[in-house]
PDB file of N, CA and C in Angstrom:
ATOM      1  N   UNK A   1      -2.334  31.968  -1.897  1.00  0.00           N
ATOM      2  CA  UNK A   1      -2.189  30.712  -1.185  1.00  0.00           C
ATOM      3  C   UNK A   1      -3.205  30.659  -0.046  1.00  0.00           C
ATOM      4  N   UNK A   2      -3.910  29.546   0.024  1.00  0.00           N
ATOM      5  CA  UNK A   2      -4.932  29.390   1.047  1.00  0.00           C
ATOM      6  C   UNK A   2      -4.556  28.228   1.971  1.00  0.00           C
ATOM      7  N   UNK A   3      -4.314  28.517   3.252  1.00  0.00           N
ATOM      8  CA  UNK A   3      -4.008  27.432   4.183  1.00  0.00           C
ATOM      9  C   UNK A   3      -5.209  26.494   4.342  1.00  0.00           C
ATOM     10  N   UNK A   4      -4.924  25.205   4.458  1.00  0.00           N
ATOM     11  CA  UNK A   4      -5.950  24.198   4.724  1.00  0.00           C
ATOM     12  C   UNK A   4      -6.017  24.008   6.227  1.00  0.00           C
ATOM     13  N   UNK A   5      -7.214  24.091   6.781  1.00  0.00           N
ATOM     14  CA  UNK A   5      -7.411  23.887   8.213  1.00  0.00           C
ATOM     15  C   UNK A   5      -8.721  23.136   8.414  1.00  0.00           C
ATOM     16  N   UNK A   6      -8.633  21.969   9.043  1.00  0.00           N
ATOM     17  CA  UNK A   6      -9.815  21.183   9.335  1.00  0.00           C
ATOM     18  C   UNK A   6      -9.664  20.507  10.696  1.00  0.00           C
ATOM     19  N   UNK A   7     -10.764  20.418  11.424  1.00  0.00           N
ATOM     20  CA  UNK A   7     -10.773  19.710  12.699  1.00  0.00           C
ATOM     21  C   UNK A   7     -10.793  18.199  12.498  1.00  0.00           C
ATOM     22  N   UNK A   8     -10.969  17.746  11.246  1.00  0.00           N
ATOM     23  CA  UNK A   8     -11.023  16.317  10.940  1.00  0.00           C
ATOM     24  C   UNK A   8      -9.644  15.702  10.736  1.00  0.00           C
ATOM     25  N   UNK A   9      -8.595  16.510  10.865  1.00  0.00           N
ATOM     26  CA  UNK A   9      -7.209  16.034  10.825  1.00  0.00           C
ATOM     27  C   UNK A   9      -6.483  16.691  11.996  1.00  0.00           C
ATOM     28  N   UNK A  10      -5.399  16.079  12.463  1.00  0.00           N
ATOM     29  CA  UNK A  10      -4.684  16.664  13.605  1.00  0.00           C
ATOM     30  C   UNK A  10      -4.145  18.056  13.289  1.00  0.00           C
ATOM     31  N   UNK A  11      -4.134  18.900  14.288  1.00  0.00           N
ATOM     32  CA  UNK A  11      -3.563  20.237  14.141  1.00  0.00           C
ATOM     33  C   UNK A  11      -2.067  20.117  13.892  1.00  0.00           C
ATOM     34  N   UNK A  12      -1.509  21.087  13.209  1.00  0.00           N
ATOM     35  CA  UNK A  12      -0.071  21.108  12.958  1.00  0.00           C
ATOM     36  C   UNK A  12       0.684  21.162  14.281  1.00  0.00           C
ATOM     37  N   UNK A  13       1.832  20.482  14.336  1.00  0.00           N
ATOM     38  CA  UNK A  13       2.643  20.434  15.551  1.00  0.00           C
ATOM     39  C   UNK A  13       3.592  21.621  15.668  1.00  0.00           C
ATOM     40  N   UNK A  14       3.651  22.456  14.644  1.00  0.00           N
ATOM     41  CA  UNK A  14       4.579  23.576  14.646  1.00  0.00           C
ATOM     42  C   UNK A  14       4.090  24.694  13.755  1.00  0.00           C
ATOM     43  N   UNK A  15       5.001  25.560  13.329  1.00  0.00           N
ATOM     44  CA  UNK A  15       4.632  26.721  12.515  1.00  0.00           C
ATOM     45  C   UNK A  15       4.446  26.372  11.035  1.00  0.00           C
ATOM     46  N   UNK A  16       3.442  25.554  10.755  1.00  0.00           N
ATOM     47  CA  UNK A  16       3.107  25.178   9.390  1.00  0.00           C
ATOM     48  C   UNK A  16       1.619  24.876   9.318  1.00  0.00           C
ATOM     49  N   UNK A  17       1.096  24.751   8.117  1.00  0.00           N
ATOM     50  CA  UNK A  17      -0.319  24.463   7.892  1.00  0.00           C
ATOM     51  C   UNK A  17      -0.517  22.975   7.652  1.00  0.00           C
ATOM     52  N   UNK A  18      -1.756  22.515   7.842  1.00  0.00           N
ATOM     53  CA  UNK A  18      -2.082  21.131   7.484  1.00  0.00           C
ATOM     54  C   UNK A  18      -1.862  20.935   5.986  1.00  0.00           C
ATOM     55  N   UNK A  19      -1.986  22.003   5.256  1.00  0.00           N
ATOM     56  CA  UNK A  19      -1.760  21.974   3.825  1.00  0.00           C
ATOM     57  C   UNK A  19      -1.914  23.358   3.253  1.00  0.00           C
ATOM     58  N   UNK A  20      -1.624  23.473   1.964  1.00  0.00           N
ATOM     59  CA  UNK A  20      -1.775  24.739   1.243  1.00  0.00           C
ATOM     60  C   UNK A  20      -2.488  24.455  -0.074  1.00  0.00           C
ATOM     61  N   UNK A  21      -3.503  25.236  -0.345  1.00  0.00           N
ATOM     62  CA  UNK A  21      -4.239  25.172  -1.612  1.00  0.00           C
ATOM     63  C   UNK A  21      -3.791  26.360  -2.445  1.00  0.00           C
ATOM     64  N   UNK A  22      -3.137  26.079  -3.577  1.00  0.00           N
ATOM     65  CA  UNK A  22      -2.646  27.157  -4.434  1.00  0.00           C
ATOM     66  C   UNK A  22      -3.656  27.561  -5.495  1.00  0.00           C
ATOM     67  N   UNK A  23      -4.775  26.849  -5.526  1.00  0.00           N
ATOM     68  CA  UNK A  23      -5.767  27.091  -6.568  1.00  0.00           C
ATOM     69  C   UNK A  23      -5.668  26.064  -7.680  1.00  0.00           C
ATOM     70  N   UNK A  24      -4.473  25.570  -7.937  1.00  0.00           N
ATOM     71  CA  UNK A  24      -4.261  24.538  -8.948  1.00  0.00           C
ATOM     72  C   UNK A  24      -3.689  23.266  -8.348  1.00  0.00           C
ATOM     73  N   UNK A  25      -2.822  23.460  -7.353  1.00  0.00           N
ATOM     74  CA  UNK A  25      -2.216  22.340  -6.646  1.00  0.00           C
ATOM     75  C   UNK A  25      -2.563  22.410  -5.169  1.00  0.00           C
ATOM     76  N   UNK A  26      -2.635  21.241  -4.555  1.00  0.00           N
ATOM     77  CA  UNK A  26      -2.868  21.154  -3.114  1.00  0.00           C
ATOM     78  C   UNK A  26      -1.709  20.368  -2.512  1.00  0.00           C
ATOM     79  N   UNK A  27      -1.029  20.981  -1.563  1.00  0.00           N
ATOM     80  CA  UNK A  27       0.079  20.347  -0.862  1.00  0.00           C
ATOM     81  C   UNK A  27      -0.391  20.003   0.550  1.00  0.00           C
ATOM     82  N   UNK A  28      -0.473  18.719   0.866  1.00  0.00           N
ATOM     83  CA  UNK A  28      -0.875  18.293   2.212  1.00  0.00           C
ATOM     84  C   UNK A  28       0.394  17.955   2.980  1.00  0.00           C
ATOM     85  N   UNK A  29       0.583  18.632   4.100  1.00  0.00           N
ATOM     86  CA  UNK A  29       1.744  18.379   4.949  1.00  0.00           C
ATOM     87  C   UNK A  29       1.749  16.934   5.418  1.00  0.00           C
ATOM     88  N   UNK A  30       2.921  16.451   5.797  1.00  0.00           N
ATOM     89  CA  UNK A  30       3.044  15.088   6.291  1.00  0.00           C
ATOM     90  C   UNK A  30       2.058  14.827   7.423  1.00  0.00           C
ATOM     91  N   UNK A  31       1.294  13.772   7.282  1.00  0.00           N
ATOM     92  CA  UNK A  31       0.293  13.405   8.277  1.00  0.00           C
ATOM     93  C   UNK A  31       0.767  12.186   9.051  1.00  0.00           C
ATOM     94  N   UNK A  32       0.563  12.252  10.357  1.00  0.00           N
ATOM     95  CA  UNK A  32       0.864  11.137  11.246  1.00  0.00           C
ATOM     96  C   UNK A  32      -0.425  10.389  11.558  1.00  0.00           C
ATOM     97  N   UNK A  33      -0.286   9.236  12.149  1.00  0.00           N
ATOM     98  CA  UNK A  33      -1.438   8.431  12.547  1.00  0.00           C
ATOM     99  C   UNK A  33      -1.989   8.851  13.886  1.00  0.00           C
ATOM    100  N   UNK A  34      -2.347  10.112  14.000  1.00  0.00           N
ATOM    101  CA  UNK A  34      -2.892  10.674  15.227  1.00  0.00           C
ATOM    102  C   UNK A  34      -4.396  10.852  15.055  1.00  0.00           C
ATOM    103  N   UNK A  35      -5.155  10.401  16.035  1.00  0.00           N
ATOM    104  CA  UNK A  35      -6.606  10.595  16.017  1.00  0.00           C
ATOM    105  C   UNK A  35      -6.884  12.076  16.294  1.00  0.00           C
ATOM    106  N   UNK A  36      -7.522  12.783  15.358  1.00  0.00           N
ATOM    107  CA  UNK A  36      -7.737  14.226  15.542  1.00  0.00           C
ATOM    108  C   UNK A  36      -8.669  14.554  16.709  1.00  0.00           C
ATOM    109  N   UNK A  37      -9.489  13.625  17.114  1.00  0.00           N
ATOM    110  CA  UNK A  37     -10.430  13.879  18.216  1.00  0.00           C
ATOM    111  C   UNK A  37      -9.767  13.710  19.587  1.00  0.00           C
ATOM    112  N   UNK A  38      -8.895  12.697  19.709  1.00  0.00           N
ATOM    113  CA  UNK A  38      -8.299  12.380  21.017  1.00  0.00           C
ATOM    114  C   UNK A  38      -6.845  12.795  21.133  1.00  0.00           C
ATOM    115  N   UNK A  39      -6.176  12.989  19.999  1.00  0.00           N
ATOM    116  CA  UNK A  39      -4.751  13.295  20.022  1.00  0.00           C
ATOM    117  C   UNK A  39      -3.887  12.061  20.259  1.00  0.00           C
ATOM    118  N   UNK A  40      -4.513  10.901  20.336  1.00  0.00           N
ATOM    119  CA  UNK A  40      -3.789   9.655  20.599  1.00  0.00           C
ATOM    120  C   UNK A  40      -3.296   9.024  19.299  1.00  0.00           C
ATOM    121  N   UNK A  41      -2.216   8.251  19.417  1.00  0.00           N
ATOM    122  CA  UNK A  41      -1.666   7.530  18.272  1.00  0.00           C
ATOM    123  C   UNK A  41      -1.618   6.044  18.645  1.00  0.00           C
ATOM    124  N   UNK A  42      -2.245   5.186  17.827  1.00  0.00           N
ATOM    125  CA  UNK A  42      -2.224   3.754  18.128  1.00  0.00           C
ATOM    126  C   UNK A  42      -0.807   3.183  18.017  1.00  0.00           C
ATOM    127  N   UNK A  43      -0.635   1.972  18.520  1.00  0.00           N
ATOM    128  CA  UNK A  43       0.692   1.362  18.557  1.00  0.00           C
ATOM    129  C   UNK A  43       1.125   0.727  17.244  1.00  0.00           C
ATOM    130  N   UNK A  44       0.212   0.053  16.554  1.00  0.00           N
ATOM    131  CA  UNK A  44       0.652  -0.711  15.384  1.00  0.00           C
ATOM    132  C   UNK A  44       0.804   0.176  14.151  1.00  0.00           C
ATOM    133  N   UNK A  45       1.695  -0.257  13.293  1.00  0.00           N
ATOM    134  CA  UNK A  45       1.925   0.464  12.045  1.00  0.00           C
ATOM    135  C   UNK A  45       0.657   0.496  11.199  1.00  0.00           C
ATOM    136  N   UNK A  46      -0.063  -0.618  11.132  1.00  0.00           N
ATOM    137  CA  UNK A  46      -1.290  -0.679  10.325  1.00  0.00           C
ATOM    138  C   UNK A  46      -2.332   0.305  10.843  1.00  0.00           C
ATOM    139  N   UNK A  47      -2.508   0.367  12.144  1.00  0.00           N
ATOM    140  CA  UNK A  47      -3.484   1.312  12.712  1.00  0.00           C
ATOM    141  C   UNK A  47      -3.056   2.749  12.444  1.00  0.00           C
ATOM    142  N   UNK A  48      -1.768   3.019  12.570  1.00  0.00           N
ATOM    143  CA  UNK A  48      -1.272   4.368  12.284  1.00  0.00           C
ATOM    144  C   UNK A  48      -1.471   4.714  10.816  1.00  0.00           C
ATOM    145  N   UNK A  49      -1.154   3.774   9.923  1.00  0.00           N
ATOM    146  CA  UNK A  49      -1.305   4.026   8.483  1.00  0.00           C
ATOM    147  C   UNK A  49      -2.759   4.303   8.124  1.00  0.00           C
ATOM    148  N   UNK A  50      -3.677   3.589   8.753  1.00  0.00           N
ATOM    149  CA  UNK A  50      -5.109   3.819   8.517  1.00  0.00           C
ATOM    150  C   UNK A  50      -5.495   5.236   8.902  1.00  0.00           C
ATOM    151  N   UNK A  51      -5.038   5.697  10.050  1.00  0.00           N
ATOM    152  CA  UNK A  51      -5.335   7.068  10.482  1.00  0.00           C
ATOM    153  C   UNK A  51      -4.637   8.096   9.598  1.00  0.00           C
ATOM    154  N   UNK A  52      -3.412   7.808   9.180  1.00  0.00           N
ATOM    155  CA  UNK A  52      -2.697   8.709   8.261  1.00  0.00           C
ATOM    156  C   UNK A  52      -3.539   8.954   7.016  1.00  0.00           C
ATOM    157  N   UNK A  53      -4.037   7.876   6.430  1.00  0.00           N
ATOM    158  CA  UNK A  53      -4.812   8.010   5.194  1.00  0.00           C
ATOM    159  C   UNK A  53      -6.133   8.737   5.444  1.00  0.00           C
ATOM    160  N   UNK A  54      -6.762   8.518   6.586  1.00  0.00           N
ATOM    161  CA  UNK A  54      -7.993   9.258   6.924  1.00  0.00           C
ATOM    162  C   UNK A  54      -7.689  10.737   7.087  1.00  0.00           C
ATOM    163  N   UNK A  55      -6.561  11.056   7.725  1.00  0.00           N
ATOM    164  CA  UNK A  55      -6.179  12.451   7.931  1.00  0.00           C
ATOM    165  C   UNK A  55      -5.863  13.138   6.599  1.00  0.00           C
ATOM    166  N   UNK A  56      -5.217  12.413   5.703  1.00  0.00           N
ATOM    167  CA  UNK A  56      -4.952  12.955   4.365  1.00  0.00           C
ATOM    168  C   UNK A  56      -6.267  13.220   3.639  1.00  0.00           C
ATOM    169  N   UNK A  57      -7.197  12.266   3.709  1.00  0.00           N
ATOM    170  CA  UNK A  57      -8.499  12.433   3.051  1.00  0.00           C
ATOM    171  C   UNK A  57      -9.218  13.669   3.589  1.00  0.00           C
ATOM    172  N   UNK A  58      -9.133  13.913   4.890  1.00  0.00           N
ATOM    173  CA  UNK A  58      -9.796  15.076   5.499  1.00  0.00           C
ATOM    174  C   UNK A  58      -9.189  16.380   4.991  1.00  0.00           C
ATOM    175  N   UNK A  59      -7.861  16.430   4.909  1.00  0.00           N
ATOM    176  CA  UNK A  59      -7.204  17.641   4.412  1.00  0.00           C
ATOM    177  C   UNK A  59      -7.524  17.854   2.934  1.00  0.00           C
ATOM    178  N   UNK A  60      -7.506  16.781   2.161  1.00  0.00           N
ATOM    179  CA  UNK A  60      -7.863  16.892   0.747  1.00  0.00           C
ATOM    180  C   UNK A  60      -9.299  17.385   0.581  1.00  0.00           C
ATOM    181  N   UNK A  61     -10.212  16.843   1.363  1.00  0.00           N
ATOM    182  CA  UNK A  61     -11.627  17.228   1.275  1.00  0.00           C
ATOM    183  C   UNK A  61     -11.800  18.715   1.568  1.00  0.00           C
ATOM    184  N   UNK A  62     -11.044  19.230   2.502  1.00  0.00           N
ATOM    185  CA  UNK A  62     -11.132  20.652   2.842  1.00  0.00           C
ATOM    186  C   UNK A  62     -10.782  21.519   1.633  1.00  0.00           C
ATOM    187  N   UNK A  63      -9.952  20.974   0.742  1.00  0.00           N
ATOM    188  CA  UNK A  63      -9.560  21.697  -0.477  1.00  0.00           C
ATOM    189  C   UNK A  63     -10.398  21.280  -1.683  1.00  0.00           C
ATOM    190  N   UNK A  64     -11.449  20.477  -1.455  1.00  0.00           N
ATOM    191  CA  UNK A  64     -12.316  20.046  -2.552  1.00  0.00           C
ATOM    192  C   UNK A  64     -11.730  18.926  -3.391  1.00  0.00           C
ATOM    193  N   UNK A  65     -10.840  18.137  -2.800  1.00  0.00           N
ATOM    194  CA  UNK A  65     -10.177  17.046  -3.523  1.00  0.00           C
ATOM    195  C   UNK A  65     -10.436  15.701  -2.853  1.00  0.00           C
ATOM    196  N   UNK A  66     -10.075  14.641  -3.571  1.00  0.00           N
ATOM    197  CA  UNK A  66     -10.123  13.278  -3.048  1.00  0.00           C
ATOM    198  C   UNK A  66      -8.796  12.606  -3.388  1.00  0.00           C
ATOM    199  N   UNK A  67      -8.674  11.347  -3.018  1.00  0.00           N
ATOM    200  CA  UNK A  67      -7.486  10.573  -3.394  1.00  0.00           C
ATOM    201  C   UNK A  67      -7.288  10.569  -4.908  1.00  0.00           C
ATOM    202  N   UNK A  68      -8.376  10.657  -5.667  1.00  0.00           N
ATOM    203  CA  UNK A  68      -8.281  10.629  -7.131  1.00  0.00           C
ATOM    204  C   UNK A  68      -7.538  11.837  -7.701  1.00  0.00           C
ATOM    205  N   UNK A  69      -7.388  12.903  -6.905  1.00  0.00           N
ATOM    206  CA  UNK A  69      -6.678  14.098  -7.348  1.00  0.00           C
ATOM    207  C   UNK A  69      -5.176  14.032  -7.052  1.00  0.00           C
ATOM    208  N   UNK A  70      -4.757  13.034  -6.286  1.00  0.00           N
ATOM    209  CA  UNK A  70      -3.366  12.975  -5.831  1.00  0.00           C
ATOM    210  C   UNK A  70      -2.440  12.549  -6.968  1.00  0.00           C
ATOM    211  N   UNK A  71      -1.406  13.366  -7.194  1.00  0.00           N
ATOM    212  CA  UNK A  71      -0.430  13.102  -8.249  1.00  0.00           C
ATOM    213  C   UNK A  71       0.873  12.528  -7.700  1.00  0.00           C
ATOM    214  N   UNK A  72       1.240  12.890  -6.469  1.00  0.00           N
ATOM    215  CA  UNK A  72       2.534  12.481  -5.897  1.00  0.00           C
ATOM    216  C   UNK A  72       2.397  12.294  -4.401  1.00  0.00           C
ATOM    217  N   UNK A  73       3.010  11.232  -3.899  1.00  0.00           N
ATOM    218  CA  UNK A  73       3.052  10.999  -2.456  1.00  0.00           C
ATOM    219  C   UNK A  73       4.485  10.720  -2.032  1.00  0.00           C
ATOM    220  N   UNK A  74       4.758  11.003  -0.782  1.00  0.00           N
ATOM    221  CA  UNK A  74       6.025  10.614  -0.169  1.00  0.00           C
ATOM    222  C   UNK A  74       5.695   9.939   1.151  1.00  0.00           C
ATOM    223  N   UNK A  75       6.233   8.738   1.326  1.00  0.00           N
ATOM    224  CA  UNK A  75       6.013   7.966   2.545  1.00  0.00           C
ATOM    225  C   UNK A  75       7.329   7.916   3.316  1.00  0.00           C
ATOM    226  N   UNK A  76       7.236   8.236   4.601  1.00  0.00           N
ATOM    227  CA  UNK A  76       8.385   8.162   5.499  1.00  0.00           C
ATOM    228  C   UNK A  76       8.096   7.068   6.523  1.00  0.00           C
ATOM    229  N   UNK A  77       8.998   6.102   6.630  1.00  0.00           N
ATOM    230  CA  UNK A  77       8.836   4.995   7.560  1.00  0.00           C
ATOM    231  C   UNK A  77       9.968   4.996   8.587  1.00  0.00           C
ATOM    232  N   UNK A  78       9.622   4.750   9.841  1.00  0.00           N
ATOM    233  CA  UNK A  78      10.648   4.592  10.864  1.00  0.00           C
ATOM    234  C   UNK A  78      11.385   3.269  10.658  1.00  0.00           C
ATOM    235  N   UNK A  79      10.718   2.288  10.055  1.00  0.00           N
ATOM    236  CA  UNK A  79      11.311   0.976   9.791  1.00  0.00           C
ATOM    237  C   UNK A  79      10.838   0.493   8.419  1.00  0.00           C
ATOM    238  N   UNK A  80      11.764   0.339   7.487  1.00  0.00           N
ATOM    239  CA  UNK A  80      11.411  -0.070   6.124  1.00  0.00           C
ATOM    240  C   UNK A  80      10.729  -1.442   6.108  1.00  0.00           C
ATOM    241  N   UNK A  81      10.896  -2.219   7.152  1.00  0.00           N
ATOM    242  CA  UNK A  81      10.229  -3.519   7.240  1.00  0.00           C
ATOM    243  C   UNK A  81       8.716  -3.380   7.379  1.00  0.00           C
ATOM    244  N   UNK A  82       8.230  -2.181   7.654  1.00  0.00           N
ATOM    245  CA  UNK A  82       6.786  -1.918   7.730  1.00  0.00           C
ATOM    246  C   UNK A  82       6.203  -1.578   6.362  1.00  0.00           C
ATOM    247  N   UNK A  83       7.021  -1.619   5.325  1.00  0.00           N
ATOM    248  CA  UNK A  83       6.592  -1.238   3.975  1.00  0.00           C
ATOM    249  C   UNK A  83       5.339  -1.991   3.544  1.00  0.00           C
ATOM    250  N   UNK A  84       5.303  -3.299   3.705  1.00  0.00           N
ATOM    251  CA  UNK A  84       4.160  -4.104   3.242  1.00  0.00           C
ATOM    252  C   UNK A  84       2.873  -3.724   3.953  1.00  0.00           C
ATOM    253  N   UNK A  85       2.936  -3.541   5.258  1.00  0.00           N
ATOM    254  CA  UNK A  85       1.738  -3.191   6.028  1.00  0.00           C
ATOM    255  C   UNK A  85       1.179  -1.847   5.579  1.00  0.00           C
ATOM    256  N   UNK A  86       2.056  -0.873   5.389  1.00  0.00           N
ATOM    257  CA  UNK A  86       1.626   0.454   4.953  1.00  0.00           C
ATOM    258  C   UNK A  86       1.132   0.395   3.510  1.00  0.00           C
ATOM    259  N   UNK A  87       1.845  -0.319   2.663  1.00  0.00           N
ATOM    260  CA  UNK A  87       1.500  -0.415   1.249  1.00  0.00           C
ATOM    261  C   UNK A  87       0.099  -0.985   1.045  1.00  0.00           C
ATOM    262  N   UNK A  88      -0.286  -1.955   1.853  1.00  0.00           N
ATOM    263  CA  UNK A  88      -1.619  -2.557   1.734  1.00  0.00           C
ATOM    264  C   UNK A  88      -2.713  -1.532   2.021  1.00  0.00           C
ATOM    265  N   UNK A  89      -2.561  -0.768   3.075  1.00  0.00           N
ATOM    266  CA  UNK A  89      -3.559   0.241   3.459  1.00  0.00           C
ATOM    267  C   UNK A  89      -3.555   1.397   2.461  1.00  0.00           C
ATOM    268  N   UNK A  90      -2.375   1.851   2.101  1.00  0.00           N
ATOM    269  CA  UNK A  90      -2.204   2.920   1.116  1.00  0.00           C
ATOM    270  C   UNK A  90      -2.851   2.521  -0.209  1.00  0.00           C
ATOM    271  N   UNK A  91      -2.561   1.329  -0.682  1.00  0.00           N
ATOM    272  CA  UNK A  91      -3.070   0.855  -1.971  1.00  0.00           C
ATOM    273  C   UNK A  91      -4.577   0.779  -2.021  1.00  0.00           C
ATOM    274  N   UNK A  92      -5.204   0.457  -0.902  1.00  0.00           N
ATOM    275  CA  UNK A  92      -6.668   0.378  -0.853  1.00  0.00           C
ATOM    276  C   UNK A  92      -7.320   1.748  -1.040  1.00  0.00           C
ATOM    277  N   UNK A  93      -6.568   2.814  -0.803  1.00  0.00           N
ATOM    278  CA  UNK A  93      -7.106   4.173  -0.954  1.00  0.00           C
ATOM    279  C   UNK A  93      -6.998   4.686  -2.382  1.00  0.00           C
ATOM    280  N   UNK A  94      -6.036   4.173  -3.133  1.00  0.00           N
ATOM    281  CA  UNK A  94      -5.802   4.642  -4.494  1.00  0.00           C
ATOM    282  C   UNK A  94      -6.238   3.565  -5.480  1.00  0.00           C
ATOM    283  N   UNK A  95      -7.540   3.436  -5.657  1.00  0.00           N
ATOM    284  CA  UNK A  95      -8.087   2.389  -6.509  1.00  0.00           C
ATOM    285  C   UNK A  95      -8.251   2.847  -7.961  1.00  0.00           C
ATOM    286  N   UNK A  96      -8.467   4.149  -8.163  1.00  0.00           N
ATOM    287  CA  UNK A  96      -8.690   4.667  -9.513  1.00  0.00           C
ATOM    288  C   UNK A  96      -7.381   5.120 -10.159  1.00  0.00           C
ATOM    289  N   UNK A  97      -6.646   5.939  -9.452  1.00  0.00           N
ATOM    290  CA  UNK A  97      -5.391   6.490  -9.946  1.00  0.00           C
ATOM    291  C   UNK A  97      -4.267   6.093  -9.006  1.00  0.00           C
ATOM    292  N   UNK A  98      -3.164   5.686  -9.554  1.00  0.00           N
ATOM    293  CA  UNK A  98      -1.982   5.347  -8.751  1.00  0.00           C
ATOM    294  C   UNK A  98      -0.982   6.497  -8.884  1.00  0.00           C
ATOM    295  N   UNK A  99      -0.829   7.309  -7.823  1.00  0.00           N
ATOM    296  CA  UNK A  99       0.075   8.457  -7.925  1.00  0.00           C
ATOM    297  C   UNK A  99       1.539   8.029  -7.968  1.00  0.00           C
ATOM    298  N   UNK A 100       2.383   8.928  -8.435  1.00  0.00           N
ATOM    299  CA  UNK A 100       3.828   8.726  -8.322  1.00  0.00           C
ATOM    300  C   UNK A 100       4.153   8.707  -6.825  1.00  0.00           C
ATOM    301  N   UNK A 101       5.219   7.965  -6.456  1.00  0.00           N
ATOM    302  CA  UNK A 101       5.477   7.816  -5.026  1.00  0.00           C
ATOM    303  C   UNK A 101       6.955   7.594  -4.768  1.00  0.00           C
ATOM    304  N   UNK A 102       7.398   8.098  -3.624  1.00  0.00           N
ATOM    305  CA  UNK A 102       8.716   7.795  -3.074  1.00  0.00           C
ATOM    306  C   UNK A 102       8.506   7.293  -1.658  1.00  0.00           C
ATOM    307  N   UNK A 103       9.336   6.353  -1.230  1.00  0.00           N
ATOM    308  CA  UNK A 103       9.257   5.823   0.132  1.00  0.00           C
ATOM    309  C   UNK A 103      10.661   5.796   0.718  1.00  0.00           C
ATOM    310  N   UNK A 104      10.777   6.285   1.949  1.00  0.00           N
ATOM    311  CA  UNK A 104      12.082   6.344   2.614  1.00  0.00           C
ATOM    312  C   UNK A 104      11.984   5.815   4.036  1.00  0.00           C
ATOM    313  N   UNK A 105      13.049   5.160   4.483  1.00  0.00           N
ATOM    314  CA  UNK A 105      13.205   4.905   5.914  1.00  0.00           C
ATOM    315  C   UNK A 105      13.962   6.101   6.471  1.00  0.00           C
ATOM    316  N   UNK A 106      13.475   6.630   7.593  1.00  0.00           N
ATOM    317  CA  UNK A 106      14.105   7.782   8.226  1.00  0.00           C
ATOM    318  C   UNK A 106      14.531   7.404   9.641  1.00  0.00           C
ATOM    319  N   UNK A 107      15.422   8.178  10.211  1.00  0.00           N
ATOM    320  CA  UNK A 107      15.946   7.876  11.544  1.00  0.00           C
ATOM    321  C   UNK A 107      14.865   7.960  12.616  1.00  0.00           C
ATOM    322  N   UNK A 108      13.967   8.930  12.467  1.00  0.00           N
ATOM    323  CA  UNK A 108      12.901   9.101  13.463  1.00  0.00           C
ATOM    324  C   UNK A 108      11.813   9.990  12.876  1.00  0.00           C
ATOM    325  N   UNK A 109      10.607   9.838  13.429  1.00  0.00           N
ATOM    326  CA  UNK A 109       9.466  10.666  13.033  1.00  0.00           C
ATOM    327  C   UNK A 109       8.921  11.369  14.272  1.00  0.00           C
ATOM    328  N   UNK A 110       8.218  12.491  14.112  1.00  0.00           N
ATOM    329  CA  UNK A 110       7.657  13.192  15.258  1.00  0.00           C
ATOM    330  C   UNK A 110       6.756  12.285  16.100  1.00  0.00           C
ATOM    331  N   UNK A 111       6.780  12.519  17.393  1.00  0.00           N
ATOM    332  CA  UNK A 111       5.936  11.808  18.362  1.00  0.00           C
ATOM    333  C   UNK A 111       6.191  10.299  18.385  1.00  0.00           C
ATOM    334  N   UNK A 112       7.325   9.856  17.845  1.00  0.00           N
ATOM    335  CA  UNK A 112       7.631   8.433  17.820  1.00  0.00           C
ATOM    336  C   UNK A 112       6.782   7.650  16.832  1.00  0.00           C
ATOM    337  N   UNK A 113       6.218   8.342  15.852  1.00  0.00           N
ATOM    338  CA  UNK A 113       5.355   7.702  14.859  1.00  0.00           C
ATOM    339  C   UNK A 113       6.132   6.682  14.042  1.00  0.00           C
ATOM    340  N   UNK A 114       5.389   5.731  13.461  1.00  0.00           N
ATOM    341  CA  UNK A 114       5.983   4.704  12.618  1.00  0.00           C
ATOM    342  C   UNK A 114       5.863   5.032  11.137  1.00  0.00           C
ATOM    343  N   UNK A 115       4.918   5.933  10.793  1.00  0.00           N
ATOM    344  CA  UNK A 115       4.692   6.280   9.390  1.00  0.00           C
ATOM    345  C   UNK A 115       4.191   7.722   9.298  1.00  0.00           C
ATOM    346  N   UNK A 116       4.640   8.407   8.255  1.00  0.00           N
ATOM    347  CA  UNK A 116       4.169   9.752   7.911  1.00  0.00           C
ATOM    348  C   UNK A 116       4.056   9.790   6.385  1.00  0.00           C
ATOM    349  N   UNK A 117       2.990  10.399   5.901  1.00  0.00           N
ATOM    350  CA  UNK A 117       2.793  10.503   4.450  1.00  0.00           C
ATOM    351  C   UNK A 117       2.384  11.934   4.109  1.00  0.00           C
ATOM    352  N   UNK A 118       2.997  12.477   3.044  1.00  0.00           N
ATOM    353  CA  UNK A 118       2.609  13.775   2.499  1.00  0.00           C
ATOM    354  C   UNK A 118       2.167  13.574   1.066  1.00  0.00           C
ATOM    355  N   UNK A 119       1.277  14.454   0.587  1.00  0.00           N
ATOM    356  CA  UNK A 119       0.777  14.305  -0.784  1.00  0.00           C
ATOM    357  C   UNK A 119       0.693  15.661  -1.483  1.00  0.00           C
ATOM    358  N   UNK A 120       0.733  15.570  -2.822  1.00  0.00           N
ATOM    359  CA  UNK A 120       0.489  16.712  -3.689  1.00  0.00           C
ATOM    360  C   UNK A 120      -0.656  16.302  -4.612  1.00  0.00           C
ATOM    361  N   UNK A 121      -1.689  17.138  -4.664  1.00  0.00           N
ATOM    362  CA  UNK A 121      -2.861  16.849  -5.498  1.00  0.00           C
ATOM    363  C   UNK A 121      -3.053  17.959  -6.510  1.00  0.00           C
ATOM    364  N   UNK A 122      -3.739  17.615  -7.600  1.00  0.00           N
ATOM    365  CA  UNK A 122      -4.076  18.560  -8.657  1.00  0.00           C
ATOM    366  C   UNK A 122      -5.576  18.778  -8.622  1.00  0.00           C
ATOM    367  N   UNK A 123      -5.997  20.042  -8.574  1.00  0.00           N
ATOM    368  CA  UNK A 123      -7.424  20.354  -8.511  1.00  0.00           C
ATOM    369  C   UNK A 123      -8.050  20.226  -9.890  1.00  0.00           C
TER     370      UNK A 123
END
């Protein structure tokens, strides 16, 4: 197992990796809409979702993957009413392959985030 570590995505907030590359599968930990350079998180759901997807792309790239390698995603929303805003940004990233997906409203997300997304990719 090879931990994924890149300065192009936010550092892990606890005792976990940004992701794990197993050689065949890549597991990217849940990403928040945090700017990896400033540590800041924008206010709107759309801005956060945009950063989430950029952070996922950075972690995938570190493992030699792109969105086209993603087989499964899980989206966590603080408010299910933000589904459309997130779905629009998410959908623009998956133009070639549409991965399997689950979406949940949760009671709360770290740092007061509005959206978190984790992915599993196949190398």
